[in-house]
Amino acid sequence: MWTLGDSSAVGLLLHDQPFDFDLKPAPRVLPDLTYVHNQHVRPIRVYRDIDARFILEDMYAKLELFNMEK
């Protein structure tokens, strides 16, 4: 298993996936940088699965465009 870092957030902005997520309450961050869970302030999306192929293909396409501009 490997991580995509922040690329998954960018990928979801480019191609919203209206499935494979759960709405969960956002945790609250305290001044000592610990989390308080079970808050009911606002929901956030927690994705179970993302389209990693889409994200990687988008990155490769952008690299190719950047390379052609030189």
Protein backbone atom coordinates (compact mmCIF):
# COMPACT_ATOMS: atom_id res chain seq x y z
CA MET A 1 0.00 0.00 0.00
CA TRP A 2 1.23 3.50 -0.78
CA THR A 3 -0.13 6.97 -0.24
CA LEU A 4 -0.94 9.62 -2.81
CA GLY A 5 -0.36 12.46 -0.35
CA ASP A 6 -2.48 15.53 -1.14
CA SER A 7 -3.01 14.31 -4.71
CA SER A 8 -6.19 12.51 -3.70
CA ALA A 9 -7.79 15.79 -2.55
CA VAL A 10 -6.83 17.44 -5.84
CA GLY A 11 -8.16 14.43 -7.75
CA LEU A 12 -11.50 14.70 -5.98
CA LEU A 13 -11.68 18.39 -6.85
CA LEU A 14 -11.04 17.56 -10.52
CA HIS A 15 -13.36 14.55 -10.64
CA ASP A 16 -15.91 14.39 -7.83
CA GLN A 17 -16.86 10.83 -6.99
CA PRO A 18 -20.42 10.85 -5.66
CA PHE A 19 -20.02 7.39 -4.12
CA ASP A 20 -17.72 5.45 -1.80
CA PHE A 21 -17.77 7.94 1.05
CA ASP A 22 -19.37 8.22 4.46
CA LEU A 23 -20.51 11.43 6.09
CA LYS A 24 -19.00 11.61 9.56
CA PRO A 25 -18.88 14.39 12.14
CA ALA A 26 -15.73 16.49 11.88
CA PRO A 27 -13.39 16.17 14.84
CA ARG A 28 -12.47 19.29 16.76
CA VAL A 29 -8.79 20.17 17.24
CA LEU A 30 -7.90 21.44 20.70
CA PRO A 31 -5.13 23.96 21.47
CA ASP A 32 -2.82 21.08 22.53
CA LEU A 33 -3.37 19.59 19.00
CA THR A 34 -5.41 16.62 20.23
CA TYR A 35 -8.71 15.67 18.63
CA VAL A 36 -12.16 15.48 20.16
CA HIS A 37 -14.31 13.02 18.26
CA ASN A 38 -18.08 12.52 18.36
CA GLN A 39 -18.73 16.18 17.60
CA HIS A 40 -21.96 17.04 15.82
CA VAL A 41 -20.93 20.44 14.46
CA ARG A 42 -20.51 19.72 10.75
CA PRO A 43 -20.23 16.63 8.59
CA ILE A 44 -17.18 15.80 6.48
CA ARG A 45 -16.76 13.24 3.72
CA VAL A 46 -14.52 10.29 4.54
CA TYR A 47 -13.78 8.40 1.32
CA ARG A 48 -13.43 4.63 1.38
CA ASP A 49 -12.05 4.48 -2.15
CA ILE A 50 -10.81 6.94 -4.77
CA ASP A 51 -9.90 6.58 -8.44
CA ALA A 52 -6.11 6.45 -8.16
CA ARG A 53 -5.76 5.69 -11.87
CA PHE A 54 -7.51 8.97 -12.76
CA ILE A 55 -5.19 10.91 -10.46
CA LEU A 56 -2.04 9.29 -11.83
CA GLU A 57 -3.12 9.66 -15.47
CA ASP A 58 -3.90 13.33 -14.85
CA MET A 59 -0.46 13.82 -13.30
CA TYR A 60 1.28 12.06 -16.22
CA ALA A 61 -0.67 14.17 -18.74
CA LYS A 62 0.38 17.36 -16.95
CA LEU A 63 4.01 16.24 -16.82
CA GLU A 64 3.92 15.55 -20.54
CA LEU A 65 2.43 19.00 -21.25
CA PHE A 66 5.07 20.63 -19.07
CA ASN A 67 7.82 18.68 -20.83
CA MET A 68 6.53 19.74 -24.28
CA GLU A 69 6.59 23.42 -23.31
CA LYS A 70 10.37 23.36 -22.86
